[in-house]
PDB file of all heavy atoms in Angstrom:
ATOM      1  N   GLN A   1     144.792 132.381 144.166  1.00  0.00           N
ATOM      2  CA  GLN A   1     145.353 133.649 144.516  1.00  0.00           C
ATOM      3  C   GLN A   1     146.329 133.368 145.582  1.00  0.00           C
ATOM      4  O   GLN A   1     146.061 132.568 146.578  1.00  0.00           O
ATOM      5  CB  GLN A   1     144.196 134.564 144.921  1.00  0.00           C
ATOM      6  CG  GLN A   1     143.422 135.112 143.786  1.00  0.00           C
ATOM      7  CD  GLN A   1     142.372 136.090 144.259  1.00  0.00           C
ATOM      8  OE1 GLN A   1     141.916 136.022 145.281  1.00  0.00           O
ATOM      9  NE2 GLN A   1     142.258 137.143 143.468  1.00  0.00           N
ATOM     10  N   LEU A   2     147.344 134.104 145.663  1.00  0.00           N
ATOM     11  CA  LEU A   2     148.357 134.012 146.770  1.00  0.00           C
ATOM     12  C   LEU A   2     147.701 134.651 147.958  1.00  0.00           C
ATOM     13  O   LEU A   2     147.102 135.687 147.881  1.00  0.00           O
ATOM     14  CB  LEU A   2     149.690 134.646 146.401  1.00  0.00           C
ATOM     15  CG  LEU A   2     150.481 133.979 145.171  1.00  0.00           C
ATOM     16  CD1 LEU A   2     151.616 134.838 144.943  1.00  0.00           C
ATOM     17  CD2 LEU A   2     150.809 132.562 145.572  1.00  0.00           C
ATOM     18  N   ASP A   3     148.090 134.207 149.142  1.00  0.00           N
ATOM     19  CA  ASP A   3     147.608 134.862 150.323  1.00  0.00           C
ATOM     20  C   ASP A   3     148.443 136.096 150.487  1.00  0.00           C
ATOM     21  O   ASP A   3     149.526 136.258 150.018  1.00  0.00           O
ATOM     22  CB  ASP A   3     148.005 133.923 151.571  1.00  0.00           C
ATOM     23  CG  ASP A   3     147.503 134.447 152.792  1.00  0.00           C
ATOM     24  OD1 ASP A   3     146.325 134.860 152.882  1.00  0.00           O
ATOM     25  OD2 ASP A   3     148.281 134.488 153.814  1.00  0.00           O
ATOM     26  N   ARG A   4     147.863 137.037 151.347  1.00  0.00           N
ATOM     27  CA  ARG A   4     148.633 138.315 151.706  1.00  0.00           C
ATOM     28  C   ARG A   4     148.820 138.318 153.207  1.00  0.00           C
ATOM     29  O   ARG A   4     148.201 139.053 153.895  1.00  0.00           O
ATOM     30  CB  ARG A   4     147.744 139.551 151.181  1.00  0.00           C
ATOM     31  CG  ARG A   4     147.514 139.658 149.719  1.00  0.00           C
ATOM     32  CD  ARG A   4     146.611 140.799 149.501  1.00  0.00           C
ATOM     33  NE  ARG A   4     147.153 142.119 149.745  1.00  0.00           N
ATOM     34  CZ  ARG A   4     147.981 142.755 148.888  1.00  0.00           C
ATOM     35  NH1 ARG A   4     148.209 142.236 147.728  1.00  0.00           N
ATOM     36  NH2 ARG A   4     148.421 143.882 149.252  1.00  0.00           N
ATOM     37  N   PRO A   5     149.837 137.522 153.610  1.00  0.00           N
ATOM     38  CA  PRO A   5     150.046 137.426 155.105  1.00  0.00           C
ATOM     39  C   PRO A   5     150.644 138.785 155.586  1.00  0.00           C
ATOM     40  O   PRO A   5     151.294 139.481 154.839  1.00  0.00           O
ATOM     41  CB  PRO A   5     151.081 136.323 155.253  1.00  0.00           C
ATOM     42  CG  PRO A   5     151.743 136.345 153.801  1.00  0.00           C
ATOM     43  CD  PRO A   5     150.831 136.760 152.857  1.00  0.00           C
ATOM     44  N   THR A   6     150.351 139.059 156.820  1.00  0.00           N
ATOM     45  CA  THR A   6     150.767 140.359 157.292  1.00  0.00           C
ATOM     46  C   THR A   6     152.309 140.423 157.464  1.00  0.00           C
ATOM     47  O   THR A   6     152.827 141.459 157.329  1.00  0.00           O
ATOM     48  CB  THR A   6     150.085 140.565 158.687  1.00  0.00           C
ATOM     49  OG1 THR A   6     150.552 139.518 159.525  1.00  0.00           O
ATOM     50  CG2 THR A   6     148.560 140.637 158.647  1.00  0.00           C
ATOM     51  N   ALA A   7     152.963 139.374 157.752  1.00  0.00           N
ATOM     52  CA  ALA A   7     154.407 139.464 157.959  1.00  0.00           C
ATOM     53  C   ALA A   7     155.254 138.259 157.538  1.00  0.00           C
ATOM     54  O   ALA A   7     156.437 138.221 157.130  1.00  0.00           O
ATOM     55  CB  ALA A   7     154.691 139.580 159.458  1.00  0.00           C
ATOM     56  N   SER A   8     154.607 137.002 157.459  1.00  0.00           N
ATOM     57  CA  SER A   8     155.388 135.819 157.290  1.00  0.00           C
ATOM     58  C   SER A   8     156.282 135.782 156.062  1.00  0.00           C
ATOM     59  O   SER A   8     157.565 135.304 156.276  1.00  0.00           O
ATOM     60  CB  SER A   8     154.534 134.601 157.344  1.00  0.00           C
ATOM     61  OG  SER A   8     153.723 134.643 156.159  1.00  0.00           O
ATOM     62  N   SER A   9     155.814 136.050 154.996  1.00  0.00           N
ATOM     63  CA  SER A   9     156.679 136.127 153.687  1.00  0.00           C
ATOM     64  C   SER A   9     157.769 137.037 153.871  1.00  0.00           C
ATOM     65  O   SER A   9     158.864 136.733 153.510  1.00  0.00           O
ATOM     66  CB  SER A   9     155.874 136.330 152.494  1.00  0.00           C
ATOM     67  OG  SER A   9     155.020 135.245 152.156  1.00  0.00           O
ATOM     68  N   ARG A  10     157.524 138.267 154.396  1.00  0.00           N
ATOM     69  CA  ARG A  10     158.532 139.299 154.500  1.00  0.00           C
ATOM     70  C   ARG A  10     159.629 138.823 155.556  1.00  0.00           C
ATOM     71  O   ARG A  10     160.842 139.040 155.226  1.00  0.00           O
ATOM     72  CB  ARG A  10     157.958 140.670 154.824  1.00  0.00           C
ATOM     73  CG  ARG A  10     157.073 141.240 153.893  1.00  0.00           C
ATOM     74  CD  ARG A  10     156.443 142.565 154.379  1.00  0.00           C
ATOM     75  NE  ARG A  10     155.469 143.132 153.509  1.00  0.00           N
ATOM     76  CZ  ARG A  10     155.786 144.042 152.548  1.00  0.00           C
ATOM     77  NH1 ARG A  10     157.038 144.491 152.375  1.00  0.00           N
ATOM     78  NH2 ARG A  10     154.927 144.601 151.802  1.00  0.00           N
ATOM     79  N   VAL A  11     159.198 138.343 156.655  1.00  0.00           N
ATOM     80  CA  VAL A  11     160.026 137.777 157.703  1.00  0.00           C
ATOM     81  C   VAL A  11     160.915 136.832 157.090  1.00  0.00           C
ATOM     82  O   VAL A  11     162.122 136.724 157.365  1.00  0.00           O
ATOM     83  CB  VAL A  11     159.380 137.407 158.929  1.00  0.00           C
ATOM     84  CG1 VAL A  11     160.267 136.737 159.918  1.00  0.00           C
ATOM     85  CG2 VAL A  11     158.597 138.612 159.486  1.00  0.00           C
ATOM     86  N   THR A  12     160.325 135.849 156.475  1.00  0.00           N
ATOM     87  CA  THR A  12     161.137 134.614 155.812  1.00  0.00           C
ATOM     88  C   THR A  12     162.010 135.085 154.915  1.00  0.00           C
ATOM     89  O   THR A  12     163.277 134.614 154.891  1.00  0.00           O
ATOM     90  CB  THR A  12     160.124 133.670 155.202  1.00  0.00           C
ATOM     91  OG1 THR A  12     159.238 133.183 156.216  1.00  0.00           O
ATOM     92  CG2 THR A  12     160.833 132.532 154.562  1.00  0.00           C
ATOM     93  N   TYR A  13     161.682 136.051 154.027  1.00  0.00           N
ATOM     94  CA  TYR A  13     162.516 136.523 153.038  1.00  0.00           C
ATOM     95  C   TYR A  13     163.841 137.208 153.634  1.00  0.00           C
ATOM     96  O   TYR A  13     165.030 136.911 153.236  1.00  0.00           O
ATOM     97  CB  TYR A  13     161.768 137.804 152.249  1.00  0.00           C
ATOM     98  CG  TYR A  13     162.567 138.389 151.162  1.00  0.00           C
ATOM     99  CD1 TYR A  13     162.489 137.872 149.826  1.00  0.00           C
ATOM    100  CD2 TYR A  13     163.391 139.405 151.315  1.00  0.00           C
ATOM    101  CE1 TYR A  13     163.102 138.385 148.722  1.00  0.00           C
ATOM    102  CE2 TYR A  13     164.177 139.968 150.230  1.00  0.00           C
ATOM    103  CZ  TYR A  13     164.031 139.527 148.971  1.00  0.00           C
ATOM    104  OH  TYR A  13     164.606 140.093 147.926  1.00  0.00           O
ATOM    105  N   ALA A  14     163.684 138.110 154.722  1.00  0.00           N
ATOM    106  CA  ALA A  14     164.799 138.676 155.356  1.00  0.00           C
ATOM    107  C   ALA A  14     165.651 137.703 156.107  1.00  0.00           C
ATOM    108  O   ALA A  14     166.861 137.730 156.061  1.00  0.00           O
ATOM    109  CB  ALA A  14     164.408 139.830 156.256  1.00  0.00           C
ATOM    110  N   ALA A  15     165.012 136.830 156.854  1.00  0.00           N
ATOM    111  CA  ALA A  15     165.798 135.785 157.650  1.00  0.00           C
ATOM    112  C   ALA A  15     166.597 134.847 156.802  1.00  0.00           C
ATOM    113  O   ALA A  15     167.712 134.587 157.169  1.00  0.00           O
ATOM    114  CB  ALA A  15     164.807 134.980 158.555  1.00  0.00           C
ATOM    115  N   SER A  16     166.119 134.577 155.659  1.00  0.00           N
ATOM    116  CA  SER A  16     166.769 133.605 154.770  1.00  0.00           C
ATOM    117  C   SER A  16     167.908 134.172 154.058  1.00  0.00           C
ATOM    118  O   SER A  16     168.763 133.497 153.457  1.00  0.00           O
ATOM    119  CB  SER A  16     165.757 132.945 153.718  1.00  0.00           C
ATOM    120  OG  SER A  16     164.746 132.242 154.371  1.00  0.00           O
ATOM    121  N   MET A  17     168.176 135.482 154.119  1.00  0.00           N
ATOM    122  CA  MET A  17     169.245 136.151 153.432  1.00  0.00           C
ATOM    123  C   MET A  17     170.530 136.136 154.307  1.00  0.00           C
ATOM    124  O   MET A  17     171.625 136.420 153.798  1.00  0.00           O
ATOM    125  CB  MET A  17     168.915 137.602 153.078  1.00  0.00           C
ATOM    126  CG  MET A  17     167.945 137.761 151.978  1.00  0.00           C
ATOM    127  SD  MET A  17     168.552 137.086 150.462  1.00  0.00           S
ATOM    128  CE  MET A  17     169.878 138.387 150.052  1.00  0.00           C
ATOM    129  N   ASP A  18     170.311 135.781 155.563  1.00  0.00           N
ATOM    130  CA  ASP A  18     171.546 135.660 156.483  1.00  0.00           C
ATOM    131  C   ASP A  18     172.449 134.524 156.188  1.00  0.00           C
ATOM    132  O   ASP A  18     171.971 133.351 156.168  1.00  0.00           O
ATOM    133  CB  ASP A  18     171.042 135.531 157.942  1.00  0.00           C
ATOM    134  CG  ASP A  18     172.155 135.467 158.951  1.00  0.00           C
ATOM    135  OD1 ASP A  18     173.381 135.572 158.601  1.00  0.00           O
ATOM    136  OD2 ASP A  18     171.894 135.280 160.126  1.00  0.00           O
ATOM    137  N   SER A  19     173.668 134.829 155.805  1.00  0.00           N
ATOM    138  CA  SER A  19     174.594 133.727 155.331  1.00  0.00           C
ATOM    139  C   SER A  19     174.922 132.702 156.492  1.00  0.00           C
ATOM    140  O   SER A  19     175.452 131.611 156.272  1.00  0.00           O
ATOM    141  CB  SER A  19     175.857 134.327 154.862  1.00  0.00           C
ATOM    142  OG  SER A  19     176.520 135.002 155.846  1.00  0.00           O
ATOM    143  N   GLU A  20     174.523 133.016 157.687  1.00  0.00           N
ATOM    144  CA  GLU A  20     174.897 132.011 158.825  1.00  0.00           C
ATOM    145  C   GLU A  20     173.527 131.563 159.415  1.00  0.00           C
ATOM    146  O   GLU A  20     173.549 131.178 160.578  1.00  0.00           O
ATOM    147  CB  GLU A  20     175.691 132.738 159.904  1.00  0.00           C
ATOM    148  CG  GLU A  20     177.055 133.157 159.223  1.00  0.00           C
ATOM    149  CD  GLU A  20     178.053 133.751 160.359  1.00  0.00           C
ATOM    150  OE1 GLU A  20     177.706 133.824 161.497  1.00  0.00           O
ATOM    151  OE2 GLU A  20     179.131 134.341 159.814  1.00  0.00           O
ATOM    152  N   ALA A  21     172.483 131.735 158.706  1.00  0.00           N
ATOM    153  CA  ALA A  21     171.124 131.314 159.169  1.00  0.00           C
ATOM    154  C   ALA A  21     171.200 129.770 159.492  1.00  0.00           C
ATOM    155  O   ALA A  21     171.670 128.916 158.851  1.00  0.00           O
ATOM    156  CB  ALA A  21     170.112 131.633 158.159  1.00  0.00           C
ATOM    157  N   VAL A  22     170.548 129.454 160.719  1.00  0.00           N
ATOM    158  CA  VAL A  22     170.409 128.008 160.988  1.00  0.00           C
ATOM    159  C   VAL A  22     168.933 127.769 161.104  1.00  0.00           C
ATOM    160  O   VAL A  22     168.212 128.010 162.095  1.00  0.00           O
ATOM    161  CB  VAL A  22     170.940 127.802 162.416  1.00  0.00           C
ATOM    162  CG1 VAL A  22     170.882 126.319 162.753  1.00  0.00           C
ATOM    163  CG2 VAL A  22     172.448 128.289 162.371  1.00  0.00           C
ATOM    164  N   ILE A  23     168.373 127.230 160.016  1.00  0.00           N
ATOM    165  CA  ILE A  23     166.998 126.984 159.854  1.00  0.00           C
ATOM    166  C   ILE A  23     166.700 125.651 159.451  1.00  0.00           C
ATOM    167  O   ILE A  23     165.901 125.261 158.618  1.00  0.00           O
ATOM    168  CB  ILE A  23     166.296 127.939 158.824  1.00  0.00           C
ATOM    169  CG1 ILE A  23     166.961 127.938 157.508  1.00  0.00           C
ATOM    170  CG2 ILE A  23     166.335 129.445 159.479  1.00  0.00           C
ATOM    171  CD1 ILE A  23     166.322 128.888 156.432  1.00  0.00           C
ATOM    172  N   ALA A  24     167.567 124.648 160.000  1.00  0.00           N
ATOM    173  CA  ALA A  24     167.366 123.337 159.504  1.00  0.00           C
ATOM    174  C   ALA A  24     166.543 122.286 160.311  1.00  0.00           C
ATOM    175  O   ALA A  24     166.608 121.259 160.251  1.00  0.00           O
ATOM    176  CB  ALA A  24     168.875 122.680 159.699  1.00  0.00           C
ATOM    177  N   ASP A  25     165.538 123.111 161.009  1.00  0.00           N
ATOM    178  CA  ASP A  25     164.637 122.290 161.854  1.00  0.00           C
ATOM    179  C   ASP A  25     163.586 121.464 160.991  1.00  0.00           C
ATOM    180  O   ASP A  25     163.200 122.012 159.895  1.00  0.00           O
ATOM    181  CB  ASP A  25     163.825 123.169 162.755  1.00  0.00           C
ATOM    182  CG  ASP A  25     163.063 124.318 162.071  1.00  0.00           C
ATOM    183  OD1 ASP A  25     163.747 125.222 161.567  1.00  0.00           O
ATOM    184  OD2 ASP A  25     161.874 124.169 162.087  1.00  0.00           O
ATOM    185  N   PRO A  26     163.143 120.385 161.400  1.00  0.00           N
ATOM    186  CA  PRO A  26     162.171 119.475 160.625  1.00  0.00           C
ATOM    187  C   PRO A  26     160.910 120.198 160.332  1.00  0.00           C
ATOM    188  O   PRO A  26     160.333 120.032 159.258  1.00  0.00           O
ATOM    189  CB  PRO A  26     162.014 118.369 161.621  1.00  0.00           C
ATOM    190  CG  PRO A  26     163.216 118.275 162.402  1.00  0.00           C
ATOM    191  CD  PRO A  26     163.620 119.633 162.601  1.00  0.00           C
ATOM    192  N   ALA A  27     160.482 121.105 161.280  1.00  0.00           N
ATOM    193  CA  ALA A  27     159.090 121.775 161.015  1.00  0.00           C
ATOM    194  C   ALA A  27     159.236 122.517 159.718  1.00  0.00           C
ATOM    195  O   ALA A  27     158.231 122.665 158.994  1.00  0.00           O
ATOM    196  CB  ALA A  27     158.744 122.631 162.286  1.00  0.00           C
ATOM    197  N   THR A  28     160.286 123.444 159.638  1.00  0.00           N
ATOM    198  CA  THR A  28     160.376 124.306 158.392  1.00  0.00           C
ATOM    199  C   THR A  28     160.590 123.457 157.156  1.00  0.00           C
ATOM    200  O   THR A  28     159.898 123.759 156.162  1.00  0.00           O
ATOM    201  CB  THR A  28     161.594 125.244 158.611  1.00  0.00           C
ATOM    202  OG1 THR A  28     161.476 125.996 159.767  1.00  0.00           O
ATOM    203  CG2 THR A  28     161.784 126.162 157.397  1.00  0.00           C
ATOM    204  N   LEU A  29     161.298 122.476 157.274  1.00  0.00           N
ATOM    205  CA  LEU A  29     161.493 121.569 156.142  1.00  0.00           C
ATOM    206  C   LEU A  29     160.147 120.964 155.584  1.00  0.00           C
ATOM    207  O   LEU A  29     159.709 120.941 154.559  1.00  0.00           O
ATOM    208  CB  LEU A  29     162.462 120.514 156.315  1.00  0.00           C
ATOM    209  CG  LEU A  29     162.824 119.510 155.176  1.00  0.00           C
ATOM    210  CD1 LEU A  29     163.274 120.214 154.044  1.00  0.00           C
ATOM    211  CD2 LEU A  29     163.789 118.446 155.619  1.00  0.00           C
ATOM    212  N   ALA A  30     159.445 120.467 156.716  1.00  0.00           N
ATOM    213  CA  ALA A  30     158.093 119.894 156.410  1.00  0.00           C
ATOM    214  C   ALA A  30     157.119 120.866 155.727  1.00  0.00           C
ATOM    215  O   ALA A  30     156.355 120.600 154.862  1.00  0.00           O
ATOM    216  CB  ALA A  30     157.474 119.351 157.638  1.00  0.00           C
ATOM    217  N   ALA A  31     157.210 122.175 156.295  1.00  0.00           N
ATOM    218  CA  ALA A  31     156.326 123.226 155.827  1.00  0.00           C
ATOM    219  C   ALA A  31     156.831 123.528 154.305  1.00  0.00           C
ATOM    220  O   ALA A  31     155.822 123.716 153.489  1.00  0.00           O
ATOM    221  CB  ALA A  31     156.563 124.520 156.535  1.00  0.00           C
ATOM    222  N   LEU A  32     158.076 123.462 153.983  1.00  0.00           N
ATOM    223  CA  LEU A  32     158.408 123.809 152.665  1.00  0.00           C
ATOM    224  C   LEU A  32     158.000 122.579 151.692  1.00  0.00           C
ATOM    225  O   LEU A  32     157.633 122.871 150.488  1.00  0.00           O
ATOM    226  CB  LEU A  32     159.988 123.963 152.567  1.00  0.00           C
ATOM    227  CG  LEU A  32     160.465 125.189 153.271  1.00  0.00           C
ATOM    228  CD1 LEU A  32     162.049 125.111 153.326  1.00  0.00           C
ATOM    229  CD2 LEU A  32     160.009 126.457 152.419  1.00  0.00           C
ATOM    230  N   ARG A  33     158.114 121.383 152.081  1.00  0.00           N
ATOM    231  CA  ARG A  33     157.647 120.202 151.344  1.00  0.00           C
ATOM    232  C   ARG A  33     156.081 120.424 151.054  1.00  0.00           C
ATOM    233  O   ARG A  33     155.592 120.071 150.040  1.00  0.00           O
ATOM    234  CB  ARG A  33     158.003 118.950 152.056  1.00  0.00           C
ATOM    235  CG  ARG A  33     159.502 118.591 151.849  1.00  0.00           C
ATOM    236  CD  ARG A  33     159.945 117.399 152.514  1.00  0.00           C
ATOM    237  NE  ARG A  33     161.325 116.999 152.177  1.00  0.00           N
ATOM    238  CZ  ARG A  33     162.109 116.290 152.832  1.00  0.00           C
ATOM    239  NH1 ARG A  33     161.705 115.904 154.122  1.00  0.00           N
ATOM    240  NH2 ARG A  33     163.231 115.955 152.513  1.00  0.00           N
ATOM    241  N   THR A  34     155.404 120.801 152.123  1.00  0.00           N
ATOM    242  CA  THR A  34     153.977 120.978 152.019  1.00  0.00           C
ATOM    243  C   THR A  34     153.744 122.136 151.045  1.00  0.00           C
ATOM    244  O   THR A  34     152.820 121.921 150.224  1.00  0.00           O
ATOM    245  CB  THR A  34     153.316 121.382 153.348  1.00  0.00           C
ATOM    246  OG1 THR A  34     153.483 120.314 154.119  1.00  0.00           O
ATOM    247  CG2 THR A  34     151.794 121.649 153.209  1.00  0.00           C
ATOM    248  N   GLU A  35     154.448 123.113 151.003  1.00  0.00           N
ATOM    249  CA  GLU A  35     154.330 124.345 150.156  1.00  0.00           C
ATOM    250  C   GLU A  35     154.427 123.832 148.678  1.00  0.00           C
ATOM    251  O   GLU A  35     153.834 124.366 147.780  1.00  0.00           O
ATOM    252  CB  GLU A  35     155.377 125.388 150.476  1.00  0.00           C
ATOM    253  CG  GLU A  35     155.477 126.430 149.380  1.00  0.00           C
ATOM    254  CD  GLU A  35     154.299 127.163 149.029  1.00  0.00           C
ATOM    255  OE1 GLU A  35     153.359 127.238 149.903  1.00  0.00           O
ATOM    256  OE2 GLU A  35     154.180 127.679 147.841  1.00  0.00           O
ATOM    257  N   LEU A  36     155.291 122.848 148.345  1.00  0.00           N
ATOM    258  CA  LEU A  36     155.608 122.395 147.099  1.00  0.00           C
ATOM    259  C   LEU A  36     154.329 121.687 146.422  1.00  0.00           C
ATOM    260  O   LEU A  36     154.389 121.389 145.218  1.00  0.00           O
ATOM    261  CB  LEU A  36     156.801 121.500 147.013  1.00  0.00           C
ATOM    262  CG  LEU A  36     158.158 122.206 147.177  1.00  0.00           C
ATOM    263  CD1 LEU A  36     159.198 121.263 147.556  1.00  0.00           C
ATOM    264  CD2 LEU A  36     158.524 122.910 145.846  1.00  0.00           C
ATOM    265  N   THR A  37     153.369 121.451 147.335  1.00  0.00           N
ATOM    266  CA  THR A  37     152.038 120.770 146.711  1.00  0.00           C
ATOM    267  C   THR A  37     150.995 121.742 146.958  1.00  0.00           C
ATOM    268  O   THR A  37     149.751 121.399 146.924  1.00  0.00           O
ATOM    269  CB  THR A  37     151.809 119.479 147.489  1.00  0.00           C
ATOM    270  OG1 THR A  37     151.627 119.685 148.905  1.00  0.00           O
ATOM    271  CG2 THR A  37     152.886 118.537 147.221  1.00  0.00           C
ATOM    272  N   ALA A  38     151.279 123.022 147.244  1.00  0.00           N
ATOM    273  CA  ALA A  38     150.221 124.086 147.596  1.00  0.00           C
ATOM    274  C   ALA A  38     149.192 124.233 146.468  1.00  0.00           C
ATOM    275  O   ALA A  38     148.062 124.625 146.765  1.00  0.00           O
ATOM    276  CB  ALA A  38     150.861 125.322 147.993  1.00  0.00           C
ATOM    277  N   PHE A  39     149.737 124.037 145.228  1.00  0.00           N
ATOM    278  CA  PHE A  39     148.903 124.257 144.018  1.00  0.00           C
ATOM    279  C   PHE A  39     148.357 122.976 143.433  1.00  0.00           C
ATOM    280  O   PHE A  39     148.121 122.779 142.306  1.00  0.00           O
ATOM    281  CB  PHE A  39     149.579 125.012 142.979  1.00  0.00           C
ATOM    282  CG  PHE A  39     149.940 126.470 143.429  1.00  0.00           C
ATOM    283  CD1 PHE A  39     151.157 126.786 144.224  1.00  0.00           C
ATOM    284  CD2 PHE A  39     148.982 127.469 143.241  1.00  0.00           C
ATOM    285  CE1 PHE A  39     151.387 128.025 144.518  1.00  0.00           C
ATOM    286  CE2 PHE A  39     149.235 128.723 143.748  1.00  0.00           C
ATOM    287  CZ  PHE A  39     150.434 129.077 144.432  1.00  0.00           C
ATOM    288  N   GLY A  40     148.455 121.927 144.283  1.00  0.00           N
ATOM    289  CA  GLY A  40     148.177 120.579 143.790  1.00  0.00           C
ATOM    290  C   GLY A  40     149.344 119.734 143.409  1.00  0.00           C
ATOM    291  O   GLY A  40     150.476 120.279 143.310  1.00  0.00           O
TER     292      GLY A  40
END
């Protein structure tokens, strides 16, 4: 089952729509790579 976070998915959704977003930090990239194995 997917988690029902209070804000994180919604915040990420809105922030990632900004055409000038600067989210190139290693922590976010590492989190996304971890997410790609979230279901095994």
